[in-house]
mmCIF file of all heavy atoms, coordinates in Angstrom:
data_MODEL
# 
_entry.id   MODEL 
# 
loop_
_atom_site.group_PDB 
_atom_site.id 
_atom_site.type_symbol 
_atom_site.label_atom_id 
_atom_site.label_alt_id 
_atom_site.label_comp_id 
_atom_site.label_asym_id 
_atom_site.label_entity_id 
_atom_site.label_seq_id 
_atom_site.pdbx_PDB_ins_code 
_atom_site.Cartn_x 
_atom_site.Cartn_y 
_atom_site.Cartn_z 
_atom_site.occupancy 
_atom_site.B_iso_or_equiv 
_atom_site.pdbx_formal_charge 
_atom_site.auth_seq_id 
_atom_site.auth_comp_id 
_atom_site.auth_asym_id 
_atom_site.auth_atom_id 
_atom_site.pdbx_PDB_model_num 
ATOM 1   N N   . LEU A 1 1  ? 147.044 3.005   -48.910 1.00 0.00 ? 1  LEU A N   1 
ATOM 2   C CA  . LEU A 1 1  ? 146.702 1.677   -49.471 1.00 0.00 ? 1  LEU A CA  1 
ATOM 3   C C   . LEU A 1 1  ? 147.920 1.237   -50.349 1.00 0.00 ? 1  LEU A C   1 
ATOM 4   O O   . LEU A 1 1  ? 148.419 2.080   -51.158 1.00 0.00 ? 1  LEU A O   1 
ATOM 5   C CB  . LEU A 1 1  ? 145.424 1.726   -50.367 1.00 0.00 ? 1  LEU A CB  1 
ATOM 6   C CG  . LEU A 1 1  ? 144.367 0.665   -50.018 1.00 0.00 ? 1  LEU A CG  1 
ATOM 7   C CD1 . LEU A 1 1  ? 144.896 -0.742  -50.237 1.00 0.00 ? 1  LEU A CD1 1 
ATOM 8   C CD2 . LEU A 1 1  ? 143.864 0.867   -48.639 1.00 0.00 ? 1  LEU A CD2 1 
ATOM 9   N N   . ARG A 1 2  ? 148.393 0.045   -50.131 1.00 0.00 ? 2  ARG A N   1 
ATOM 10  C CA  . ARG A 1 2  ? 149.493 -0.430  -50.859 1.00 0.00 ? 2  ARG A CA  1 
ATOM 11  C C   . ARG A 1 2  ? 149.217 -1.931  -51.279 1.00 0.00 ? 2  ARG A C   1 
ATOM 12  O O   . ARG A 1 2  ? 148.698 -2.709  -50.493 1.00 0.00 ? 2  ARG A O   1 
ATOM 13  C CB  . ARG A 1 2  ? 150.730 -0.454  -49.997 1.00 0.00 ? 2  ARG A CB  1 
ATOM 14  C CG  . ARG A 1 2  ? 152.031 -0.834  -50.712 1.00 0.00 ? 2  ARG A CG  1 
ATOM 15  C CD  . ARG A 1 2  ? 153.242 -0.494  -49.870 1.00 0.00 ? 2  ARG A CD  1 
ATOM 16  N NE  . ARG A 1 2  ? 153.393 -1.351  -48.706 1.00 0.00 ? 2  ARG A NE  1 
ATOM 17  C CZ  . ARG A 1 2  ? 153.452 -0.966  -47.461 1.00 0.00 ? 2  ARG A CZ  1 
ATOM 18  N NH1 . ARG A 1 2  ? 153.323 0.313   -47.133 1.00 0.00 ? 2  ARG A NH1 1 
ATOM 19  N NH2 . ARG A 1 2  ? 153.572 -1.776  -46.473 1.00 0.00 ? 2  ARG A NH2 1 
ATOM 20  N N   . ILE A 1 3  ? 149.617 -2.262  -52.447 1.00 0.00 ? 3  ILE A N   1 
ATOM 21  C CA  . ILE A 1 3  ? 149.452 -3.663  -53.012 1.00 0.00 ? 3  ILE A CA  1 
ATOM 22  C C   . ILE A 1 3  ? 150.810 -4.302  -52.883 1.00 0.00 ? 3  ILE A C   1 
ATOM 23  O O   . ILE A 1 3  ? 151.793 -3.924  -53.547 1.00 0.00 ? 3  ILE A O   1 
ATOM 24  C CB  . ILE A 1 3  ? 148.976 -3.692  -54.459 1.00 0.00 ? 3  ILE A CB  1 
ATOM 25  C CG1 . ILE A 1 3  ? 147.588 -2.986  -54.477 1.00 0.00 ? 3  ILE A CG1 1 
ATOM 26  C CG2 . ILE A 1 3  ? 148.793 -5.107  -54.863 1.00 0.00 ? 3  ILE A CG2 1 
ATOM 27  C CD1 . ILE A 1 3  ? 146.503 -3.607  -53.670 1.00 0.00 ? 3  ILE A CD1 1 
ATOM 28  N N   . ASP A 1 4  ? 150.949 -5.285  -52.056 1.00 0.00 ? 4  ASP A N   1 
ATOM 29  C CA  . ASP A 1 4  ? 152.226 -6.043  -51.864 1.00 0.00 ? 4  ASP A CA  1 
ATOM 30  C C   . ASP A 1 4  ? 152.327 -7.150  -52.889 1.00 0.00 ? 4  ASP A C   1 
ATOM 31  O O   . ASP A 1 4  ? 152.091 -8.340  -52.626 1.00 0.00 ? 4  ASP A O   1 
ATOM 32  C CB  . ASP A 1 4  ? 152.307 -6.565  -50.390 1.00 0.00 ? 4  ASP A CB  1 
ATOM 33  C CG  . ASP A 1 4  ? 152.624 -5.501  -49.428 1.00 0.00 ? 4  ASP A CG  1 
ATOM 34  O OD1 . ASP A 1 4  ? 152.680 -4.321  -49.772 1.00 0.00 ? 4  ASP A OD1 1 
ATOM 35  O OD2 . ASP A 1 4  ? 152.813 -5.747  -48.218 1.00 0.00 ? 4  ASP A OD2 1 
ATOM 36  N N   . ASP A 1 5  ? 152.763 -6.795  -54.047 1.00 0.00 ? 5  ASP A N   1 
ATOM 37  C CA  . ASP A 1 5  ? 152.817 -7.736  -55.202 1.00 0.00 ? 5  ASP A CA  1 
ATOM 38  C C   . ASP A 1 5  ? 154.224 -8.067  -55.661 1.00 0.00 ? 5  ASP A C   1 
ATOM 39  O O   . ASP A 1 5  ? 154.483 -8.268  -56.797 1.00 0.00 ? 5  ASP A O   1 
ATOM 40  C CB  . ASP A 1 5  ? 151.994 -7.113  -56.388 1.00 0.00 ? 5  ASP A CB  1 
ATOM 41  C CG  . ASP A 1 5  ? 152.511 -5.775  -56.849 1.00 0.00 ? 5  ASP A CG  1 
ATOM 42  O OD1 . ASP A 1 5  ? 153.394 -5.263  -56.233 1.00 0.00 ? 5  ASP A OD1 1 
ATOM 43  O OD2 . ASP A 1 5  ? 152.065 -5.330  -57.918 1.00 0.00 ? 5  ASP A OD2 1 
ATOM 44  N N   . LEU A 1 6  ? 155.109 -8.200  -54.663 1.00 0.00 ? 6  LEU A N   1 
ATOM 45  C CA  . LEU A 1 6  ? 156.458 -8.530  -55.002 1.00 0.00 ? 6  LEU A CA  1 
ATOM 46  C C   . LEU A 1 6  ? 156.547 -9.972  -55.535 1.00 0.00 ? 6  LEU A C   1 
ATOM 47  O O   . LEU A 1 6  ? 157.435 -10.272 -56.369 1.00 0.00 ? 6  LEU A O   1 
ATOM 48  C CB  . LEU A 1 6  ? 157.404 -8.419  -53.714 1.00 0.00 ? 6  LEU A CB  1 
ATOM 49  C CG  . LEU A 1 6  ? 157.888 -7.043  -53.362 1.00 0.00 ? 6  LEU A CG  1 
ATOM 50  C CD1 . LEU A 1 6  ? 158.702 -7.152  -52.141 1.00 0.00 ? 6  LEU A CD1 1 
ATOM 51  C CD2 . LEU A 1 6  ? 158.733 -6.510  -54.493 1.00 0.00 ? 6  LEU A CD2 1 
ATOM 52  N N   . ASP A 1 7  ? 155.718 -10.804 -55.119 1.00 0.00 ? 7  ASP A N   1 
ATOM 53  C CA  . ASP A 1 7  ? 155.751 -12.205 -55.608 1.00 0.00 ? 7  ASP A CA  1 
ATOM 54  C C   . ASP A 1 7  ? 154.956 -12.297 -56.887 1.00 0.00 ? 7  ASP A C   1 
ATOM 55  O O   . ASP A 1 7  ? 153.714 -12.456 -56.995 1.00 0.00 ? 7  ASP A O   1 
ATOM 56  C CB  . ASP A 1 7  ? 155.020 -13.104 -54.548 1.00 0.00 ? 7  ASP A CB  1 
ATOM 57  C CG  . ASP A 1 7  ? 155.311 -14.638 -54.857 1.00 0.00 ? 7  ASP A CG  1 
ATOM 58  O OD1 . ASP A 1 7  ? 155.648 -14.951 -56.024 1.00 0.00 ? 7  ASP A OD1 1 
ATOM 59  O OD2 . ASP A 1 7  ? 155.131 -15.437 -53.988 1.00 0.00 ? 7  ASP A OD2 1 
ATOM 60  N N   . ALA A 1 8  ? 155.761 -12.135 -57.998 1.00 0.00 ? 8  ALA A N   1 
ATOM 61  C CA  . ALA A 1 8  ? 155.160 -11.995 -59.338 1.00 0.00 ? 8  ALA A CA  1 
ATOM 62  C C   . ALA A 1 8  ? 154.414 -13.314 -59.724 1.00 0.00 ? 8  ALA A C   1 
ATOM 63  O O   . ALA A 1 8  ? 153.419 -13.353 -60.410 1.00 0.00 ? 8  ALA A O   1 
ATOM 64  C CB  . ALA A 1 8  ? 156.227 -11.715 -60.375 1.00 0.00 ? 8  ALA A CB  1 
ATOM 65  N N   . GLY A 1 9  ? 154.873 -14.469 -59.217 1.00 0.00 ? 9  GLY A N   1 
ATOM 66  C CA  . GLY A 1 9  ? 154.280 -15.712 -59.515 1.00 0.00 ? 9  GLY A CA  1 
ATOM 67  C C   . GLY A 1 9  ? 152.902 -15.893 -58.931 1.00 0.00 ? 9  GLY A C   1 
ATOM 68  O O   . GLY A 1 9  ? 152.130 -16.693 -59.497 1.00 0.00 ? 9  GLY A O   1 
ATOM 69  N N   . ARG A 1 10 ? 152.581 -15.202 -57.827 1.00 0.00 ? 10 ARG A N   1 
ATOM 70  C CA  . ARG A 1 10 ? 151.289 -15.430 -57.181 1.00 0.00 ? 10 ARG A CA  1 
ATOM 71  C C   . ARG A 1 10 ? 150.361 -14.165 -57.315 1.00 0.00 ? 10 ARG A C   1 
ATOM 72  O O   . ARG A 1 10 ? 149.186 -14.311 -57.064 1.00 0.00 ? 10 ARG A O   1 
ATOM 73  C CB  . ARG A 1 10 ? 151.471 -15.740 -55.673 1.00 0.00 ? 10 ARG A CB  1 
ATOM 74  C CG  . ARG A 1 10 ? 152.296 -16.979 -55.440 1.00 0.00 ? 10 ARG A CG  1 
ATOM 75  C CD  . ARG A 1 10 ? 152.396 -17.280 -53.958 1.00 0.00 ? 10 ARG A CD  1 
ATOM 76  N NE  . ARG A 1 10 ? 151.110 -17.404 -53.292 1.00 0.00 ? 10 ARG A NE  1 
ATOM 77  C CZ  . ARG A 1 10 ? 150.899 -17.279 -52.056 1.00 0.00 ? 10 ARG A CZ  1 
ATOM 78  N NH1 . ARG A 1 10 ? 151.780 -16.747 -51.258 1.00 0.00 ? 10 ARG A NH1 1 
ATOM 79  N NH2 . ARG A 1 10 ? 149.683 -17.397 -51.560 1.00 0.00 ? 10 ARG A NH2 1 
ATOM 80  N N   . SER A 1 11 ? 150.877 -13.060 -57.683 1.00 0.00 ? 11 SER A N   1 
ATOM 81  C CA  . SER A 1 11 ? 150.148 -11.848 -57.715 1.00 0.00 ? 11 SER A CA  1 
ATOM 82  C C   . SER A 1 11 ? 149.271 -11.738 -58.994 1.00 0.00 ? 11 SER A C   1 
ATOM 83  O O   . SER A 1 11 ? 149.733 -12.162 -60.077 1.00 0.00 ? 11 SER A O   1 
ATOM 84  C CB  . SER A 1 11 ? 151.066 -10.586 -57.643 1.00 0.00 ? 11 SER A CB  1 
ATOM 85  O OG  . SER A 1 11 ? 151.738 -10.618 -56.379 1.00 0.00 ? 11 SER A OG  1 
ATOM 86  N N   . ARG A 1 12 ? 148.060 -11.271 -58.917 1.00 0.00 ? 12 ARG A N   1 
ATOM 87  C CA  . ARG A 1 12 ? 147.145 -11.134 -59.987 1.00 0.00 ? 12 ARG A CA  1 
ATOM 88  C C   . ARG A 1 12 ? 146.515 -9.704  -59.936 1.00 0.00 ? 12 ARG A C   1 
ATOM 89  O O   . ARG A 1 12 ? 145.934 -9.310  -58.964 1.00 0.00 ? 12 ARG A O   1 
ATOM 90  C CB  . ARG A 1 12 ? 146.008 -12.168 -59.886 1.00 0.00 ? 12 ARG A CB  1 
ATOM 91  C CG  . ARG A 1 12 ? 146.518 -13.628 -59.944 1.00 0.00 ? 12 ARG A CG  1 
ATOM 92  C CD  . ARG A 1 12 ? 147.041 -13.988 -61.362 1.00 0.00 ? 12 ARG A CD  1 
ATOM 93  N NE  . ARG A 1 12 ? 147.442 -15.382 -61.390 1.00 0.00 ? 12 ARG A NE  1 
ATOM 94  C CZ  . ARG A 1 12 ? 148.620 -15.879 -61.083 1.00 0.00 ? 12 ARG A CZ  1 
ATOM 95  N NH1 . ARG A 1 12 ? 149.622 -14.933 -60.765 1.00 0.00 ? 12 ARG A NH1 1 
ATOM 96  N NH2 . ARG A 1 12 ? 148.984 -17.090 -61.181 1.00 0.00 ? 12 ARG A NH2 1 
ATOM 97  N N   . ALA A 1 13 ? 146.614 -9.011  -61.102 1.00 0.00 ? 13 ALA A N   1 
ATOM 98  C CA  . ALA A 1 13 ? 146.084 -7.625  -61.146 1.00 0.00 ? 13 ALA A CA  1 
ATOM 99  C C   . ALA A 1 13 ? 144.561 -7.624  -60.921 1.00 0.00 ? 13 ALA A C   1 
ATOM 100 O O   . ALA A 1 13 ? 144.006 -6.744  -60.243 1.00 0.00 ? 13 ALA A O   1 
ATOM 101 C CB  . ALA A 1 13 ? 146.424 -7.036  -62.498 1.00 0.00 ? 13 ALA A CB  1 
ATOM 102 N N   . ALA A 1 14 ? 143.866 -8.657  -61.493 1.00 0.00 ? 14 ALA A N   1 
ATOM 103 C CA  . ALA A 1 14 ? 142.354 -8.730  -61.272 1.00 0.00 ? 14 ALA A CA  1 
ATOM 104 C C   . ALA A 1 14 ? 142.054 -8.935  -59.776 1.00 0.00 ? 14 ALA A C   1 
ATOM 105 O O   . ALA A 1 14 ? 141.032 -8.390  -59.317 1.00 0.00 ? 14 ALA A O   1 
ATOM 106 C CB  . ALA A 1 14 ? 141.808 -9.843  -62.116 1.00 0.00 ? 14 ALA A CB  1 
ATOM 107 N N   . VAL A 1 15 ? 142.877 -9.658  -59.090 1.00 0.00 ? 15 VAL A N   1 
ATOM 108 C CA  . VAL A 1 15 ? 142.607 -9.872  -57.650 1.00 0.00 ? 15 VAL A CA  1 
ATOM 109 C C   . VAL A 1 15 ? 142.797 -8.545  -56.861 1.00 0.00 ? 15 VAL A C   1 
ATOM 110 O O   . VAL A 1 15 ? 142.002 -8.227  -55.957 1.00 0.00 ? 15 VAL A O   1 
ATOM 111 C CB  . VAL A 1 15 ? 143.543 -10.986 -57.125 1.00 0.00 ? 15 VAL A CB  1 
ATOM 112 C CG1 . VAL A 1 15 ? 143.406 -11.082 -55.604 1.00 0.00 ? 15 VAL A CG1 1 
ATOM 113 C CG2 . VAL A 1 15 ? 143.182 -12.284 -57.695 1.00 0.00 ? 15 VAL A CG2 1 
ATOM 114 N N   . ALA A 1 16 ? 143.883 -7.810  -57.231 1.00 0.00 ? 16 ALA A N   1 
ATOM 115 C CA  . ALA A 1 16 ? 144.080 -6.563  -56.591 1.00 0.00 ? 16 ALA A CA  1 
ATOM 116 C C   . ALA A 1 16 ? 142.895 -5.564  -56.766 1.00 0.00 ? 16 ALA A C   1 
ATOM 117 O O   . ALA A 1 16 ? 142.500 -4.944  -55.798 1.00 0.00 ? 16 ALA A O   1 
ATOM 118 C CB  . ALA A 1 16 ? 145.362 -5.929  -57.102 1.00 0.00 ? 16 ALA A CB  1 
ATOM 119 N N   . ASP A 1 17 ? 142.396 -5.565  -58.035 1.00 0.00 ? 17 ASP A N   1 
ATOM 120 C CA  . ASP A 1 17 ? 141.161 -4.740  -58.242 1.00 0.00 ? 17 ASP A CA  1 
ATOM 121 C C   . ASP A 1 17 ? 140.023 -5.184  -57.414 1.00 0.00 ? 17 ASP A C   1 
ATOM 122 O O   . ASP A 1 17 ? 139.272 -4.360  -56.886 1.00 0.00 ? 17 ASP A O   1 
ATOM 123 C CB  . ASP A 1 17 ? 140.900 -4.808  -59.733 1.00 0.00 ? 17 ASP A CB  1 
ATOM 124 C CG  . ASP A 1 17 ? 141.901 -4.125  -60.589 1.00 0.00 ? 17 ASP A CG  1 
ATOM 125 O OD1 . ASP A 1 17 ? 142.695 -3.294  -60.058 1.00 0.00 ? 17 ASP A OD1 1 
ATOM 126 O OD2 . ASP A 1 17 ? 141.930 -4.413  -61.751 1.00 0.00 ? 17 ASP A OD2 1 
ATOM 127 N N   . GLU A 1 18 ? 139.801 -6.431  -57.300 1.00 0.00 ? 18 GLU A N   1 
ATOM 128 C CA  . GLU A 1 18 ? 138.691 -6.972  -56.491 1.00 0.00 ? 18 GLU A CA  1 
ATOM 129 C C   . GLU A 1 18 ? 138.860 -6.585  -55.018 1.00 0.00 ? 18 GLU A C   1 
ATOM 130 O O   . GLU A 1 18 ? 137.939 -6.243  -54.321 1.00 0.00 ? 18 GLU A O   1 
ATOM 131 C CB  . GLU A 1 18 ? 138.688 -8.529  -56.634 1.00 0.00 ? 18 GLU A CB  1 
ATOM 132 C CG  . GLU A 1 18 ? 137.610 -9.181  -55.780 1.00 0.00 ? 18 GLU A CG  1 
ATOM 133 C CD  . GLU A 1 18 ? 137.809 -10.693 -55.701 1.00 0.00 ? 18 GLU A CD  1 
ATOM 134 O OE1 . GLU A 1 18 ? 138.966 -11.158 -55.402 1.00 0.00 ? 18 GLU A OE1 1 
ATOM 135 O OE2 . GLU A 1 18 ? 136.821 -11.436 -55.885 1.00 0.00 ? 18 GLU A OE2 1 
ATOM 136 N N   . GLN A 1 19 ? 140.126 -6.706  -54.550 1.00 0.00 ? 19 GLN A N   1 
ATOM 137 C CA  . GLN A 1 19 ? 140.382 -6.284  -53.191 1.00 0.00 ? 19 GLN A CA  1 
ATOM 138 C C   . GLN A 1 19 ? 140.027 -4.857  -52.872 1.00 0.00 ? 19 GLN A C   1 
ATOM 139 O O   . GLN A 1 19 ? 139.441 -4.537  -51.849 1.00 0.00 ? 19 GLN A O   1 
ATOM 140 C CB  . GLN A 1 19 ? 141.823 -6.587  -52.762 1.00 0.00 ? 19 GLN A CB  1 
ATOM 141 C CG  . GLN A 1 19 ? 142.222 -8.088  -52.762 1.00 0.00 ? 19 GLN A CG  1 
ATOM 142 C CD  . GLN A 1 19 ? 143.636 -8.306  -52.576 1.00 0.00 ? 19 GLN A CD  1 
ATOM 143 O OE1 . GLN A 1 19 ? 144.553 -7.441  -52.788 1.00 0.00 ? 19 GLN A OE1 1 
ATOM 144 N NE2 . GLN A 1 19 ? 144.004 -9.486  -52.109 1.00 0.00 ? 19 GLN A NE2 1 
ATOM 145 N N   . LEU A 1 20 ? 140.423 -3.983  -53.809 1.00 0.00 ? 20 LEU A N   1 
ATOM 146 C CA  . LEU A 1 20 ? 140.095 -2.537  -53.584 1.00 0.00 ? 20 LEU A CA  1 
ATOM 147 C C   . LEU A 1 20 ? 138.579 -2.332  -53.627 1.00 0.00 ? 20 LEU A C   1 
ATOM 148 O O   . LEU A 1 20 ? 138.073 -1.526  -52.827 1.00 0.00 ? 20 LEU A O   1 
ATOM 149 C CB  . LEU A 1 20 ? 140.765 -1.773  -54.730 1.00 0.00 ? 20 LEU A CB  1 
ATOM 150 C CG  . LEU A 1 20 ? 142.262 -1.840  -54.741 1.00 0.00 ? 20 LEU A CG  1 
ATOM 151 C CD1 . LEU A 1 20 ? 142.810 -0.931  -55.959 1.00 0.00 ? 20 LEU A CD1 1 
ATOM 152 C CD2 . LEU A 1 20 ? 142.899 -1.334  -53.494 1.00 0.00 ? 20 LEU A CD2 1 
ATOM 153 N N   . ARG A 1 21 ? 137.825 -3.040  -54.489 1.00 0.00 ? 21 ARG A N   1 
ATOM 154 C CA  . ARG A 1 21 ? 136.372 -2.887  -54.473 1.00 0.00 ? 21 ARG A CA  1 
ATOM 155 C C   . ARG A 1 21 ? 135.767 -3.400  -53.157 1.00 0.00 ? 21 ARG A C   1 
ATOM 156 O O   . ARG A 1 21 ? 134.845 -2.782  -52.689 1.00 0.00 ? 21 ARG A O   1 
ATOM 157 C CB  . ARG A 1 21 ? 135.802 -3.683  -55.645 1.00 0.00 ? 21 ARG A CB  1 
ATOM 158 C CG  . ARG A 1 21 ? 136.088 -3.046  -57.042 1.00 0.00 ? 21 ARG A CG  1 
ATOM 159 C CD  . ARG A 1 21 ? 135.184 -3.687  -58.061 1.00 0.00 ? 21 ARG A CD  1 
ATOM 160 N NE  . ARG A 1 21 ? 135.480 -5.095  -58.269 1.00 0.00 ? 21 ARG A NE  1 
ATOM 161 C CZ  . ARG A 1 21 ? 136.342 -5.667  -59.153 1.00 0.00 ? 21 ARG A CZ  1 
ATOM 162 N NH1 . ARG A 1 21 ? 137.074 -4.830  -59.892 1.00 0.00 ? 21 ARG A NH1 1 
ATOM 163 N NH2 . ARG A 1 21 ? 136.527 -6.958  -59.243 1.00 0.00 ? 21 ARG A NH2 1 
ATOM 164 N N   . ASP A 1 22 ? 136.275 -4.447  -52.638 1.00 0.00 ? 22 ASP A N   1 
ATOM 165 C CA  . ASP A 1 22 ? 135.776 -4.952  -51.324 1.00 0.00 ? 22 ASP A CA  1 
ATOM 166 C C   . ASP A 1 22 ? 136.013 -3.989  -50.266 1.00 0.00 ? 22 ASP A C   1 
ATOM 167 O O   . ASP A 1 22 ? 135.132 -3.785  -49.369 1.00 0.00 ? 22 ASP A O   1 
ATOM 168 C CB  . ASP A 1 22 ? 136.355 -6.285  -50.954 1.00 0.00 ? 22 ASP A CB  1 
ATOM 169 C CG  . ASP A 1 22 ? 135.816 -7.445  -51.787 1.00 0.00 ? 22 ASP A CG  1 
ATOM 170 O OD1 . ASP A 1 22 ? 134.835 -7.196  -52.517 1.00 0.00 ? 22 ASP A OD1 1 
ATOM 171 O OD2 . ASP A 1 22 ? 136.269 -8.673  -51.623 1.00 0.00 ? 22 ASP A OD2 1 
ATOM 172 N N   . LEU A 1 23 ? 137.188 -3.394  -50.208 1.00 0.00 ? 23 LEU A N   1 
ATOM 173 C CA  . LEU A 1 23 ? 137.454 -2.434  -49.161 1.00 0.00 ? 23 LEU A CA  1 
ATOM 174 C C   . LEU A 1 23 ? 136.516 -1.187  -49.304 1.00 0.00 ? 23 LEU A C   1 
ATOM 175 O O   . LEU A 1 23 ? 135.977 -0.685  -48.277 1.00 0.00 ? 23 LEU A O   1 
ATOM 176 C CB  . LEU A 1 23 ? 138.938 -1.964  -49.260 1.00 0.00 ? 23 LEU A CB  1 
ATOM 177 C CG  . LEU A 1 23 ? 140.039 -2.976  -48.962 1.00 0.00 ? 23 LEU A CG  1 
ATOM 178 C CD1 . LEU A 1 23 ? 141.424 -2.476  -49.345 1.00 0.00 ? 23 LEU A CD1 1 
ATOM 179 C CD2 . LEU A 1 23 ? 139.988 -3.425  -47.512 1.00 0.00 ? 23 LEU A CD2 1 
ATOM 180 N N   . GLN A 1 24 ? 136.353 -0.703  -50.493 1.00 0.00 ? 24 GLN A N   1 
ATOM 181 C CA  . GLN A 1 24 ? 135.436 0.412   -50.717 1.00 0.00 ? 24 GLN A CA  1 
ATOM 182 C C   . GLN A 1 24 ? 133.993 0.026   -50.284 1.00 0.00 ? 24 GLN A C   1 
ATOM 183 O O   . GLN A 1 24 ? 133.271 0.861   -49.704 1.00 0.00 ? 24 GLN A O   1 
ATOM 184 C CB  . GLN A 1 24 ? 135.430 0.881   -52.125 1.00 0.00 ? 24 GLN A CB  1 
ATOM 185 C CG  . GLN A 1 24 ? 136.823 1.550   -52.563 1.00 0.00 ? 24 GLN A CG  1 
ATOM 186 C CD  . GLN A 1 24 ? 136.838 1.856   -54.034 1.00 0.00 ? 24 GLN A CD  1 
ATOM 187 O OE1 . GLN A 1 24 ? 136.477 1.068   -54.849 1.00 0.00 ? 24 GLN A OE1 1 
ATOM 188 N NE2 . GLN A 1 24 ? 137.350 3.007   -54.351 1.00 0.00 ? 24 GLN A NE2 1 
ATOM 189 N N   . ALA A 1 25 ? 133.602 -1.172  -50.574 1.00 0.00 ? 25 ALA A N   1 
ATOM 190 C CA  . ALA A 1 25 ? 132.237 -1.631  -50.258 1.00 0.00 ? 25 ALA A CA  1 
ATOM 191 C C   . ALA A 1 25 ? 131.917 -1.564  -48.735 1.00 0.00 ? 25 ALA A C   1 
ATOM 192 O O   . ALA A 1 25 ? 130.813 -1.329  -48.400 1.00 0.00 ? 25 ALA A O   1 
ATOM 193 C CB  . ALA A 1 25 ? 132.032 -2.999  -50.811 1.00 0.00 ? 25 ALA A CB  1 
ATOM 194 N N   . ILE A 1 26 ? 132.944 -1.814  -47.984 1.00 0.00 ? 26 ILE A N   1 
ATOM 195 C CA  . ILE A 1 26 ? 132.667 -1.731  -46.485 1.00 0.00 ? 26 ILE A CA  1 
ATOM 196 C C   . ILE A 1 26 ? 133.003 -0.399  -45.888 1.00 0.00 ? 26 ILE A C   1 
ATOM 197 O O   . ILE A 1 26 ? 133.054 -0.228  -44.620 1.00 0.00 ? 26 ILE A O   1 
ATOM 198 C CB  . ILE A 1 26 ? 133.372 -2.917  -45.729 1.00 0.00 ? 26 ILE A CB  1 
ATOM 199 C CG1 . ILE A 1 26 ? 134.922 -2.726  -45.822 1.00 0.00 ? 26 ILE A CG1 1 
ATOM 200 C CG2 . ILE A 1 26 ? 132.963 -4.271  -46.223 1.00 0.00 ? 26 ILE A CG2 1 
ATOM 201 C CD1 . ILE A 1 26 ? 135.704 -3.595  -44.800 1.00 0.00 ? 26 ILE A CD1 1 
# 
């Protein structure tokens, strides 16, 4: 698993955490 957060202006840590939870949920 990798978070492609090179675009600092659009990347959000809270969104990354939410994405990881969604992946685990399925």
